[in-house]
Structure formats: C-alpha cells, structure tokens
Amino acid sequence: MLYFFAAWCPICHQTNQTLTSWYTHGDGLLTIYRINYDTEKSLEQKYGVTYQHTFVKVDGKGNLITILTGPSDEELRDLLKA
C-alpha cells in the first residue's frame, strides 16, 4: 500500500497517528509505504494521484489495484485488511 502523505497536511498527520496505533497492535494489516506527495511526482503520475491523503493499493509487481482518496478510518481499515 502506498500512502501519499504531505508534511503540511493536518489530515495526513491525523491519519498517521491512527495508522501508528493500528500497527502498534499488530493487527496483520498490509504494509504501508509513505510517499512524499510534494516530491514523488513520477509515482503520482503513474497511479493518477492528484491529492495528498491518497492510498494506492498495488500488487507485488506495482500494478494498480485500487485508489482511495480521503478515506474514513473504517474505509481505510477495510482496505488494509484486504
């Protein structure tokens, strides 16, 4: 899972705290790679990301599975379990 995160984004910081609490408990969720929204333009272009606080689920070869922008905690948790 790729998480397009911006350091200036308050929603991103809030989501990061939520993710930290989930992963602290070892719930068997997918691995997340935090991607800098402001610098990783090639990845944004590859996956069609146009907004920070976007999650991109990819397969083992980097092929796009799904994109979720601005998810609720419930939507994000469901995506991370799949």
N, C-alpha and C. Protein backbone atom coordinates (compact mmCIF):
# COMPACT_ATOMS: atom_id res chain seq x y z
N MET A 1 0.84 -1.17 0.00
CA MET A 1 0.00 0.00 0.00
C MET A 1 0.89 1.23 0.00
N LEU A 2 0.59 2.18 -0.87
CA LEU A 2 1.31 3.44 -0.93
C LEU A 2 0.41 4.51 -0.32
N TYR A 3 0.98 5.31 0.57
CA TYR A 3 0.24 6.40 1.20
C TYR A 3 0.89 7.71 0.81
N PHE A 4 0.21 8.49 -0.02
CA PHE A 4 0.72 9.79 -0.45
C PHE A 4 0.41 10.81 0.64
N PHE A 5 1.47 11.19 1.35
CA PHE A 5 1.42 11.98 2.57
C PHE A 5 2.11 13.32 2.33
N ALA A 6 1.54 14.39 2.85
CA ALA A 6 2.19 15.71 2.78
C ALA A 6 2.45 16.20 4.19
N ALA A 7 3.65 16.69 4.42
CA ALA A 7 4.04 17.14 5.76
C ALA A 7 3.18 18.30 6.24
N TRP A 8 2.64 19.08 5.34
CA TRP A 8 1.84 20.25 5.69
C TRP A 8 0.35 19.92 5.85
N CYS A 9 -0.04 18.70 5.63
CA CYS A 9 -1.45 18.30 5.61
C CYS A 9 -1.91 17.82 7.00
N PRO A 10 -2.81 18.57 7.67
CA PRO A 10 -3.25 18.16 9.01
C PRO A 10 -4.02 16.83 9.00
N ILE A 11 -4.76 16.56 7.94
CA ILE A 11 -5.49 15.30 7.85
C ILE A 11 -4.51 14.13 7.73
N CYS A 12 -3.42 14.35 6.99
CA CYS A 12 -2.39 13.31 6.87
C CYS A 12 -1.77 13.00 8.23
N HIS A 13 -1.50 14.02 9.01
CA HIS A 13 -0.92 13.81 10.35
C HIS A 13 -1.89 13.04 11.25
N GLN A 14 -3.15 13.37 11.18
CA GLN A 14 -4.15 12.67 11.98
C GLN A 14 -4.24 11.20 11.55
N THR A 15 -4.25 10.96 10.25
CA THR A 15 -4.29 9.59 9.75
C THR A 15 -3.03 8.83 10.13
N ASN A 16 -1.89 9.49 10.11
CA ASN A 16 -0.65 8.85 10.51
C ASN A 16 -0.71 8.37 11.96
N GLN A 17 -1.29 9.19 12.84
CA GLN A 17 -1.46 8.78 14.24
C GLN A 17 -2.37 7.57 14.36
N THR A 18 -3.44 7.57 13.58
CA THR A 18 -4.35 6.42 13.59
C THR A 18 -3.63 5.16 13.12
N LEU A 19 -2.89 5.28 12.02
CA LEU A 19 -2.16 4.13 11.49
C LEU A 19 -1.13 3.62 12.50
N THR A 20 -0.43 4.53 13.15
CA THR A 20 0.55 4.14 14.16
C THR A 20 -0.11 3.32 15.26
N SER A 21 -1.27 3.74 15.71
CA SER A 21 -1.96 2.98 16.77
C SER A 21 -2.39 1.61 16.27
N TRP A 22 -2.85 1.52 15.03
CA TRP A 22 -3.26 0.22 14.49
C TRP A 22 -2.08 -0.72 14.36
N TYR A 23 -0.96 -0.22 13.86
CA TYR A 23 0.20 -1.09 13.63
C TYR A 23 0.93 -1.43 14.92
N THR A 24 0.76 -0.64 15.94
CA THR A 24 1.33 -0.95 17.25
C THR A 24 0.72 -2.21 17.82
N HIS A 25 -0.54 -2.44 17.48
CA HIS A 25 -1.25 -3.61 17.99
C HIS A 25 -1.05 -4.85 17.13
N GLY A 26 -0.33 -4.73 16.02
CA GLY A 26 -0.03 -5.88 15.19
C GLY A 26 -1.25 -6.61 14.67
N ASP A 27 -2.13 -5.87 14.00
CA ASP A 27 -3.40 -6.44 13.53
C ASP A 27 -3.30 -7.19 12.21
N GLY A 28 -2.11 -7.46 11.71
CA GLY A 28 -1.97 -8.19 10.46
C GLY A 28 -2.40 -7.39 9.24
N LEU A 29 -2.19 -6.09 9.27
CA LEU A 29 -2.58 -5.23 8.16
C LEU A 29 -1.48 -5.19 7.11
N LEU A 30 -1.85 -4.79 5.89
CA LEU A 30 -0.88 -4.67 4.80
C LEU A 30 0.21 -3.65 5.15
N THR A 31 1.37 -3.85 4.59
CA THR A 31 2.47 -2.90 4.77
C THR A 31 2.16 -1.63 4.01
N ILE A 32 2.44 -0.49 4.65
CA ILE A 32 2.23 0.82 4.03
C ILE A 32 3.58 1.49 3.82
N TYR A 33 3.76 2.03 2.62
CA TYR A 33 4.94 2.83 2.32
C TYR A 33 4.47 4.27 2.18
N ARG A 34 5.01 5.14 3.02
CA ARG A 34 4.61 6.55 2.99
C ARG A 34 5.40 7.25 1.88
N ILE A 35 4.67 7.87 0.97
CA ILE A 35 5.25 8.52 -0.20
C ILE A 35 5.07 10.03 -0.04
N ASN A 36 6.15 10.78 -0.25
CA ASN A 36 6.10 12.23 -0.12
C ASN A 36 5.33 12.82 -1.31
N TYR A 37 4.17 13.35 -1.02
CA TYR A 37 3.30 13.90 -2.06
C TYR A 37 3.97 15.06 -2.80
N ASP A 38 4.80 15.82 -2.13
CA ASP A 38 5.40 17.00 -2.73
C ASP A 38 6.60 16.71 -3.62
N THR A 39 7.19 15.53 -3.50
CA THR A 39 8.40 15.25 -4.27
C THR A 39 8.31 14.06 -5.23
N GLU A 40 7.40 13.16 -5.00
CA GLU A 40 7.34 11.93 -5.81
C GLU A 40 6.36 12.05 -6.97
N LYS A 41 6.64 13.00 -7.85
CA LYS A 41 5.72 13.30 -8.95
C LYS A 41 5.59 12.13 -9.94
N SER A 42 6.66 11.37 -10.13
CA SER A 42 6.58 10.26 -11.09
C SER A 42 5.61 9.18 -10.60
N LEU A 43 5.61 8.91 -9.29
CA LEU A 43 4.66 7.93 -8.74
C LEU A 43 3.23 8.47 -8.79
N GLU A 44 3.07 9.75 -8.52
CA GLU A 44 1.74 10.36 -8.62
C GLU A 44 1.20 10.21 -10.03
N GLN A 45 2.05 10.49 -11.00
CA GLN A 45 1.64 10.40 -12.39
C GLN A 45 1.33 8.95 -12.78
N LYS A 46 2.16 8.03 -12.34
CA LYS A 46 1.97 6.62 -12.68
C LYS A 46 0.61 6.10 -12.20
N TYR A 47 0.22 6.50 -10.98
CA TYR A 47 -1.02 5.98 -10.40
C TYR A 47 -2.20 6.97 -10.47
N GLY A 48 -1.99 8.14 -11.06
CA GLY A 48 -3.07 9.09 -11.22
C GLY A 48 -3.47 9.80 -9.93
N VAL A 49 -2.52 9.98 -9.02
CA VAL A 49 -2.79 10.64 -7.75
C VAL A 49 -2.78 12.15 -7.96
N THR A 50 -3.84 12.81 -7.51
CA THR A 50 -3.94 14.26 -7.67
C THR A 50 -4.18 14.98 -6.35
N TYR A 51 -4.13 14.25 -5.25
CA TYR A 51 -4.45 14.83 -3.95
C TYR A 51 -3.66 14.08 -2.88
N GLN A 52 -3.10 14.84 -1.92
CA GLN A 52 -2.46 14.17 -0.79
C GLN A 52 -3.53 13.43 0.01
N HIS A 53 -3.12 12.59 0.93
CA HIS A 53 -4.03 11.76 1.71
C HIS A 53 -4.74 10.75 0.81
N THR A 54 -3.94 10.19 -0.11
CA THR A 54 -4.43 9.17 -1.03
C THR A 54 -3.69 7.87 -0.78
N PHE A 55 -4.44 6.78 -0.78
CA PHE A 55 -3.88 5.44 -0.60
C PHE A 55 -4.01 4.70 -1.92
N VAL A 56 -2.92 4.07 -2.35
CA VAL A 56 -2.90 3.32 -3.59
C VAL A 56 -2.49 1.89 -3.26
N LYS A 57 -3.39 0.98 -3.53
CA LYS A 57 -3.10 -0.44 -3.30
C LYS A 57 -2.54 -1.01 -4.60
N VAL A 58 -1.37 -1.65 -4.48
CA VAL A 58 -0.71 -2.24 -5.64
C VAL A 58 -0.42 -3.71 -5.36
N ASP A 59 -0.22 -4.47 -6.44
CA ASP A 59 0.16 -5.86 -6.26
C ASP A 59 1.68 -5.94 -6.12
N GLY A 60 2.22 -7.13 -6.03
CA GLY A 60 3.65 -7.34 -5.81
C GLY A 60 4.53 -6.80 -6.93
N LYS A 61 3.94 -6.54 -8.10
CA LYS A 61 4.70 -6.01 -9.23
C LYS A 61 4.47 -4.51 -9.42
N GLY A 62 3.73 -3.91 -8.50
CA GLY A 62 3.48 -2.48 -8.59
C GLY A 62 2.30 -2.10 -9.46
N ASN A 63 1.52 -3.10 -9.88
CA ASN A 63 0.34 -2.82 -10.68
C ASN A 63 -0.80 -2.31 -9.80
N LEU A 64 -1.49 -1.31 -10.28
CA LEU A 64 -2.58 -0.69 -9.55
C LEU A 64 -3.73 -1.66 -9.30
N ILE A 65 -4.18 -1.72 -8.05
CA ILE A 65 -5.36 -2.50 -7.71
C ILE A 65 -6.52 -1.54 -7.44
N THR A 66 -6.30 -0.57 -6.55
CA THR A 66 -7.34 0.41 -6.24
C THR A 66 -6.74 1.67 -5.65
N ILE A 67 -7.49 2.77 -5.75
CA ILE A 67 -7.10 4.05 -5.17
C ILE A 67 -8.22 4.52 -4.26
N LEU A 68 -7.82 5.04 -3.10
CA LEU A 68 -8.79 5.57 -2.14
C LEU A 68 -8.28 6.92 -1.66
N THR A 69 -9.01 7.98 -1.96
CA THR A 69 -8.62 9.33 -1.58
C THR A 69 -9.48 9.82 -0.42
N GLY A 70 -8.83 10.29 0.63
CA GLY A 70 -9.54 10.84 1.77
C GLY A 70 -10.45 9.84 2.46
N PRO A 71 -9.98 8.62 2.70
CA PRO A 71 -10.87 7.60 3.28
C PRO A 71 -11.20 7.88 4.74
N SER A 72 -12.36 7.38 5.15
CA SER A 72 -12.69 7.37 6.58
C SER A 72 -11.83 6.29 7.22
N ASP A 73 -11.75 6.28 8.53
CA ASP A 73 -10.99 5.25 9.23
C ASP A 73 -11.52 3.86 8.89
N GLU A 74 -12.83 3.73 8.82
CA GLU A 74 -13.44 2.42 8.52
C GLU A 74 -13.08 1.96 7.11
N GLU A 75 -13.16 2.86 6.14
CA GLU A 75 -12.80 2.50 4.76
C GLU A 75 -11.33 2.11 4.66
N LEU A 76 -10.48 2.85 5.35
CA LEU A 76 -9.05 2.57 5.31
C LEU A 76 -8.74 1.23 5.95
N ARG A 77 -9.33 0.96 7.08
CA ARG A 77 -9.08 -0.32 7.78
C ARG A 77 -9.51 -1.48 6.89
N ASP A 78 -10.66 -1.36 6.23
CA ASP A 78 -11.12 -2.40 5.32
C ASP A 78 -10.14 -2.61 4.17
N LEU A 79 -9.62 -1.51 3.63
CA LEU A 79 -8.67 -1.61 2.54
C LEU A 79 -7.38 -2.28 2.97
N LEU A 80 -6.94 -1.99 4.18
CA LEU A 80 -5.69 -2.55 4.69
C LEU A 80 -5.81 -4.02 5.07
N LYS A 81 -7.00 -4.50 5.31
CA LYS A 81 -7.20 -5.91 5.64
C LYS A 81 -7.23 -6.78 4.40
N ALA A 82 -7.64 -6.22 3.31
CA ALA A 82 -7.85 -6.99 2.07
C ALA A 82 -6.54 -7.44 1.46
